[in-house]
Amino acid sequence: MRTFDVAPLYRSTIGYDRLFDMLDHSTRPDWPPYNIVKKGDNEYCISMAVAGFSPSDISLTQTGTQLLVEGTKRKQPEAYEVLHQGIASRDFKQTFNLADHVKVVSADIENGLLMIDFVREVPEALKPRKIEISQTRMEGGAEPKQLKQSDEPVAKAA
């Protein structure tokens, strides 16, 4: 149930469309239901309930750091009358924001669940690296040299 309506705010503001879309999306229930699971340090999985959808009814599209999951149920001519429909078969569109360097590794449907596996692959150049500290400048018994003081007076800048 929506507790507030942001539609009047669209008329009096400019450039806040994304903010209002996020507020509007936060008041709607997520459909279809899903779980996000962390399987390891850099491995994740989304399992989404898609009962009645076949792999050809679902499309996954990753654009940059966004993953769009769309399900479109094809209308089939029914040879029978449905007396009660408890399994929802409505179309859906779900967007997930992914962190940098996260990519989809695989996706499959098993027992009515769409399983999407992710992995985060940070490039070597961006990973933290340990820098070794050495003492080569002081090794060899060399003592720090003291600079000689010149007998000539230093000219002052005017």
C-alpha atoms as a PDB file:
ATOM      1  CA  MET A   1       0.000   0.000   0.000  1.00  0.00           C
ATOM      2  CA  ARG A   2       1.378   3.372  -1.018  1.00  0.00           C
ATOM      3  CA  THR A   3       1.476   5.904   1.800  1.00  0.00           C
ATOM      4  CA  PHE A   4       2.398   8.946  -0.274  1.00  0.00           C
ATOM      5  CA  ASP A   5       2.068  10.100  -3.859  1.00  0.00           C
ATOM      6  CA  VAL A   6       5.048  11.824  -5.496  1.00  0.00           C
ATOM      7  CA  ALA A   7       3.158  12.753  -8.692  1.00  0.00           C
ATOM      8  CA  PRO A   8       2.508  16.391  -7.600  1.00  0.00           C
ATOM      9  CA  LEU A   9       6.238  16.855  -7.022  1.00  0.00           C
ATOM     10  CA  TYR A  10       6.958  16.118 -10.697  1.00  0.00           C
ATOM     11  CA  ARG A  11       5.089  19.312 -11.677  1.00  0.00           C
ATOM     12  CA  SER A  12       7.201  21.624  -9.531  1.00  0.00           C
ATOM     13  CA  THR A  13      10.699  20.157  -9.782  1.00  0.00           C
ATOM     14  CA  ILE A  14      13.197  19.727 -12.576  1.00  0.00           C
ATOM     15  CA  GLY A  15      15.976  17.165 -12.650  1.00  0.00           C
ATOM     16  CA  TYR A  16      14.774  15.048  -9.729  1.00  0.00           C
ATOM     17  CA  ASP A  17      13.155  12.335 -11.870  1.00  0.00           C
ATOM     18  CA  ARG A  18      15.605   9.647 -10.802  1.00  0.00           C
ATOM     19  CA  LEU A  19      15.100  10.413  -7.110  1.00  0.00           C
ATOM     20  CA  PHE A  20      11.316  10.225  -7.451  1.00  0.00           C
ATOM     21  CA  ASP A  21      11.587   7.001  -9.461  1.00  0.00           C
ATOM     22  CA  MET A  22      13.637   5.487  -6.623  1.00  0.00           C
ATOM     23  CA  LEU A  23      11.038   6.617  -4.051  1.00  0.00           C
ATOM     24  CA  ASP A  24       8.220   5.243  -6.183  1.00  0.00           C
ATOM     25  CA  HIS A  25      10.039   1.931  -6.659  1.00  0.00           C
ATOM     26  CA  SER A  26      10.695   1.612  -2.923  1.00  0.00           C
ATOM     27  CA  THR A  27       6.963   1.610  -2.170  1.00  0.00           C
ATOM     28  CA  ARG A  28       6.165  -1.181  -4.646  1.00  0.00           C
ATOM     29  CA  PRO A  29       6.681  -4.807  -3.673  1.00  0.00           C
ATOM     30  CA  ASP A  30       9.475  -6.593  -5.509  1.00  0.00           C
ATOM     31  CA  TRP A  31       8.071  -8.964  -8.088  1.00  0.00           C
ATOM     32  CA  PRO A  32       8.994 -11.706  -8.557  1.00  0.00           C
ATOM     33  CA  PRO A  33      10.407 -12.512  -5.118  1.00  0.00           C
ATOM     34  CA  TYR A  34      14.158 -13.117  -4.996  1.00  0.00           C
ATOM     35  CA  ASN A  35      17.081 -13.854  -2.675  1.00  0.00           C
ATOM     36  CA  ILE A  36      20.618 -12.493  -2.916  1.00  0.00           C
ATOM     37  CA  VAL A  37      23.247 -14.847  -1.504  1.00  0.00           C
ATOM     38  CA  LYS A  38      26.976 -14.298  -0.923  1.00  0.00           C
ATOM     39  CA  LYS A  39      28.679 -17.599  -1.771  1.00  0.00           C
ATOM     40  CA  GLY A  40      32.286 -16.487  -1.213  1.00  0.00           C
ATOM     41  CA  ASP A  41      34.487 -13.410  -1.007  1.00  0.00           C
ATOM     42  CA  ASN A  42      33.871 -12.558  -4.670  1.00  0.00           C
ATOM     43  CA  GLU A  43      30.946 -14.830  -5.594  1.00  0.00           C
ATOM     44  CA  TYR A  44      27.243 -14.020  -5.407  1.00  0.00           C
ATOM     45  CA  CYS A  45      23.955 -15.551  -6.540  1.00  0.00           C
ATOM     46  CA  ILE A  46      20.443 -14.232  -7.115  1.00  0.00           C
ATOM     47  CA  SER A  47      17.690 -16.832  -6.986  1.00  0.00           C
ATOM     48  CA  MET A  48      14.374 -15.574  -8.347  1.00  0.00           C
ATOM     49  CA  ALA A  49      11.010 -17.367  -8.213  1.00  0.00           C
ATOM     50  CA  VAL A  50       9.851 -17.691 -11.822  1.00  0.00           C
ATOM     51  CA  ALA A  51       7.422 -20.616 -11.686  1.00  0.00           C
ATOM     52  CA  GLY A  52       5.746 -21.185 -15.037  1.00  0.00           C
ATOM     53  CA  PHE A  53       8.361 -19.278 -17.050  1.00  0.00           C
ATOM     54  CA  SER A  54      10.614 -21.129 -19.467  1.00  0.00           C
ATOM     55  CA  PRO A  55      14.159 -20.013 -20.349  1.00  0.00           C
ATOM     56  CA  SER A  56      12.829 -18.575 -23.626  1.00  0.00           C
ATOM     57  CA  ASP A  57      10.385 -16.352 -21.658  1.00  0.00           C
ATOM     58  CA  ILE A  58      13.186 -14.670 -19.674  1.00  0.00           C
ATOM     59  CA  SER A  59      15.907 -12.317 -20.842  1.00  0.00           C
ATOM     60  CA  LEU A  60      18.946 -11.063 -18.939  1.00  0.00           C
ATOM     61  CA  THR A  61      20.764  -7.911 -20.062  1.00  0.00           C
ATOM     62  CA  GLN A  62      23.819  -6.440 -18.327  1.00  0.00           C
ATOM     63  CA  THR A  63      24.600  -2.859 -19.283  1.00  0.00           C
ATOM     64  CA  GLY A  64      27.546  -1.487 -17.358  1.00  0.00           C
ATOM     65  CA  THR A  65      26.695  -1.914 -13.694  1.00  0.00           C
ATOM     66  CA  GLN A  66      22.998  -2.669 -14.232  1.00  0.00           C
ATOM     67  CA  LEU A  67      21.399  -6.069 -14.721  1.00  0.00           C
ATOM     68  CA  LEU A  68      17.902  -6.125 -16.205  1.00  0.00           C
ATOM     69  CA  VAL A  69      15.857  -9.302 -15.772  1.00  0.00           C
ATOM     70  CA  GLU A  70      12.681  -9.385 -17.870  1.00  0.00           C
ATOM     71  CA  GLY A  71      10.045 -12.070 -18.061  1.00  0.00           C
ATOM     72  CA  THR A  72       7.372 -12.077 -20.740  1.00  0.00           C
ATOM     73  CA  LYS A  73       4.822 -14.857 -20.629  1.00  0.00           C
ATOM     74  CA  ARG A  74       3.598 -15.818 -24.066  1.00  0.00           C
ATOM     75  CA  LYS A  75      -0.140 -16.038 -24.393  1.00  0.00           C
ATOM     76  CA  GLN A  76      -1.118 -19.570 -25.238  1.00  0.00           C
ATOM     77  CA  PRO A  77      -4.550 -20.586 -26.404  1.00  0.00           C
ATOM     78  CA  GLU A  78      -6.107 -22.404 -23.485  1.00  0.00           C
ATOM     79  CA  ALA A  79      -8.119 -25.512 -24.151  1.00  0.00           C
ATOM     80  CA  TYR A  80      -9.462 -25.452 -20.614  1.00  0.00           C
ATOM     81  CA  GLU A  81     -11.029 -23.051 -18.139  1.00  0.00           C
ATOM     82  CA  VAL A  82      -8.933 -21.939 -15.148  1.00  0.00           C
ATOM     83  CA  LEU A  83     -11.099 -21.998 -12.012  1.00  0.00           C
ATOM     84  CA  HIS A  84      -8.428 -20.594  -9.684  1.00  0.00           C
ATOM     85  CA  GLN A  85      -5.078 -19.054 -10.605  1.00  0.00           C
ATOM     86  CA  GLY A  86      -2.799 -18.931  -7.574  1.00  0.00           C
ATOM     87  CA  ILE A  87       0.457 -18.995  -9.542  1.00  0.00           C
ATOM     88  CA  ALA A  88       1.093 -15.546 -10.932  1.00  0.00           C
ATOM     89  CA  SER A  89       2.126 -15.496 -14.559  1.00  0.00           C
ATOM     90  CA  ARG A  90       2.287 -11.766 -15.134  1.00  0.00           C
ATOM     91  CA  ASP A  91       5.172 -10.163 -16.968  1.00  0.00           C
ATOM     92  CA  PHE A  92       7.935  -8.677 -14.856  1.00  0.00           C
ATOM     93  CA  LYS A  93      10.920  -6.376 -15.112  1.00  0.00           C
ATOM     94  CA  GLN A  94      13.490  -6.283 -12.307  1.00  0.00           C
ATOM     95  CA  THR A  95      16.667  -4.172 -12.266  1.00  0.00           C
ATOM     96  CA  PHE A  96      19.692  -4.866 -10.074  1.00  0.00           C
ATOM     97  CA  ASN A  97      22.546  -2.402  -9.566  1.00  0.00           C
ATOM     98  CA  LEU A  98      25.874  -4.204  -9.541  1.00  0.00           C
ATOM     99  CA  ALA A  99      29.164  -3.046  -8.064  1.00  0.00           C
ATOM    100  CA  ASP A 100      32.115  -2.269 -10.314  1.00  0.00           C
ATOM    101  CA  HIS A 101      33.863  -5.298 -11.838  1.00  0.00           C
ATOM    102  CA  VAL A 102      30.915  -7.659 -11.142  1.00  0.00           C
ATOM    103  CA  LYS A 103      29.804  -9.766 -14.084  1.00  0.00           C
ATOM    104  CA  VAL A 104      27.254 -12.499 -14.685  1.00  0.00           C
ATOM    105  CA  VAL A 105      28.921 -15.901 -14.946  1.00  0.00           C
ATOM    106  CA  SER A 106      25.910 -18.135 -15.557  1.00  0.00           C
ATOM    107  CA  ALA A 107      22.133 -18.317 -15.381  1.00  0.00           C
ATOM    108  CA  ASP A 108      19.845 -21.351 -15.339  1.00  0.00           C
ATOM    109  CA  ILE A 109      16.368 -22.387 -14.228  1.00  0.00           C
ATOM    110  CA  GLU A 110      15.934 -25.228 -11.773  1.00  0.00           C
ATOM    111  CA  ASN A 111      12.735 -26.189  -9.933  1.00  0.00           C
ATOM    112  CA  GLY A 112      11.027 -22.882 -10.783  1.00  0.00           C
ATOM    113  CA  LEU A 113      13.975 -20.765  -9.629  1.00  0.00           C
ATOM    114  CA  LEU A 114      16.099 -18.633 -11.906  1.00  0.00           C
ATOM    115  CA  MET A 115      19.647 -18.859 -10.559  1.00  0.00           C
ATOM    116  CA  ILE A 116      22.025 -16.065 -11.654  1.00  0.00           C
ATOM    117  CA  ASP A 117      25.668 -16.446 -10.586  1.00  0.00           C
ATOM    118  CA  PHE A 118      28.012 -13.460 -10.360  1.00  0.00           C
ATOM    119  CA  VAL A 119      31.697 -13.014  -9.763  1.00  0.00           C
ATOM    120  CA  ARG A 120      33.669  -9.889  -8.914  1.00  0.00           C
ATOM    121  CA  GLU A 121      36.927  -9.759 -10.857  1.00  0.00           C
ATOM    122  CA  VAL A 122      38.995  -6.779  -9.816  1.00  0.00           C
ATOM    123  CA  PRO A 123      41.812  -6.099 -12.329  1.00  0.00           C
ATOM    124  CA  GLU A 124      45.343  -6.623 -10.996  1.00  0.00           C
ATOM    125  CA  ALA A 125      46.145  -2.934 -11.508  1.00  0.00           C
ATOM    126  CA  LEU A 126      43.372  -1.956  -9.063  1.00  0.00           C
ATOM    127  CA  LYS A 127      44.106  -4.557  -6.373  1.00  0.00           C
ATOM    128  CA  PRO A 128      46.069  -3.466  -3.319  1.00  0.00           C
ATOM    129  CA  ARG A 129      49.700  -4.513  -3.492  1.00  0.00           C
ATOM    130  CA  LYS A 130      52.319  -4.802  -0.782  1.00  0.00           C
ATOM    131  CA  ILE A 131      55.373  -2.619  -1.248  1.00  0.00           C
ATOM    132  CA  GLU A 132      58.594  -4.000   0.193  1.00  0.00           C
ATOM    133  CA  ILE A 133      60.686  -1.625   2.289  1.00  0.00           C
ATOM    134  CA  SER A 134      64.440  -2.055   1.932  1.00  0.00           C
ATOM    135  CA  GLN A 135      67.523  -0.631   3.640  1.00  0.00           C
ATOM    136  CA  THR A 136      69.856  -0.500   0.632  1.00  0.00           C
ATOM    137  CA  ARG A 137      70.686   3.177   1.054  1.00  0.00           C
ATOM    138  CA  MET A 138      72.180   2.662   4.509  1.00  0.00           C
ATOM    139  CA  GLU A 139      73.804  -0.725   3.938  1.00  0.00           C
ATOM    140  CA  GLY A 140      77.517  -1.105   3.272  1.00  0.00           C
ATOM    141  CA  GLY A 141      78.648   0.765   6.358  1.00  0.00           C
ATOM    142  CA  ALA A 142      78.277   4.159   4.720  1.00  0.00           C
ATOM    143  CA  GLU A 143      77.559   6.880   7.225  1.00  0.00           C
ATOM    144  CA  PRO A 144      75.427   9.837   6.313  1.00  0.00           C
ATOM    145  CA  LYS A 145      77.625  12.661   5.065  1.00  0.00           C
ATOM    146  CA  GLN A 146      77.566  16.040   6.711  1.00  0.00           C
ATOM    147  CA  LEU A 147      77.591  18.983   4.387  1.00  0.00           C
ATOM    148  CA  LYS A 148      80.409  21.531   4.839  1.00  0.00           C
ATOM    149  CA  GLN A 149      79.479  24.979   5.836  1.00  0.00           C
ATOM    150  CA  SER A 150      80.773  27.557   3.437  1.00  0.00           C
ATOM    151  CA  ASP A 151      82.835  30.454   4.785  1.00  0.00           C
ATOM    152  CA  GLU A 152      81.276  32.817   2.272  1.00  0.00           C
ATOM    153  CA  PRO A 153      78.215  34.756   3.399  1.00  0.00           C
ATOM    154  CA  VAL A 154      74.995  33.854   1.654  1.00  0.00           C
ATOM    155  CA  ALA A 155      73.595  36.675  -0.441  1.00  0.00           C
ATOM    156  CA  LYS A 156      70.196  37.764   0.717  1.00  0.00           C
ATOM    157  CA  ALA A 157      67.447  38.168  -1.794  1.00  0.00           C
ATOM    158  CA  ALA A 158      66.345  41.741  -2.244  1.00  0.00           C
END
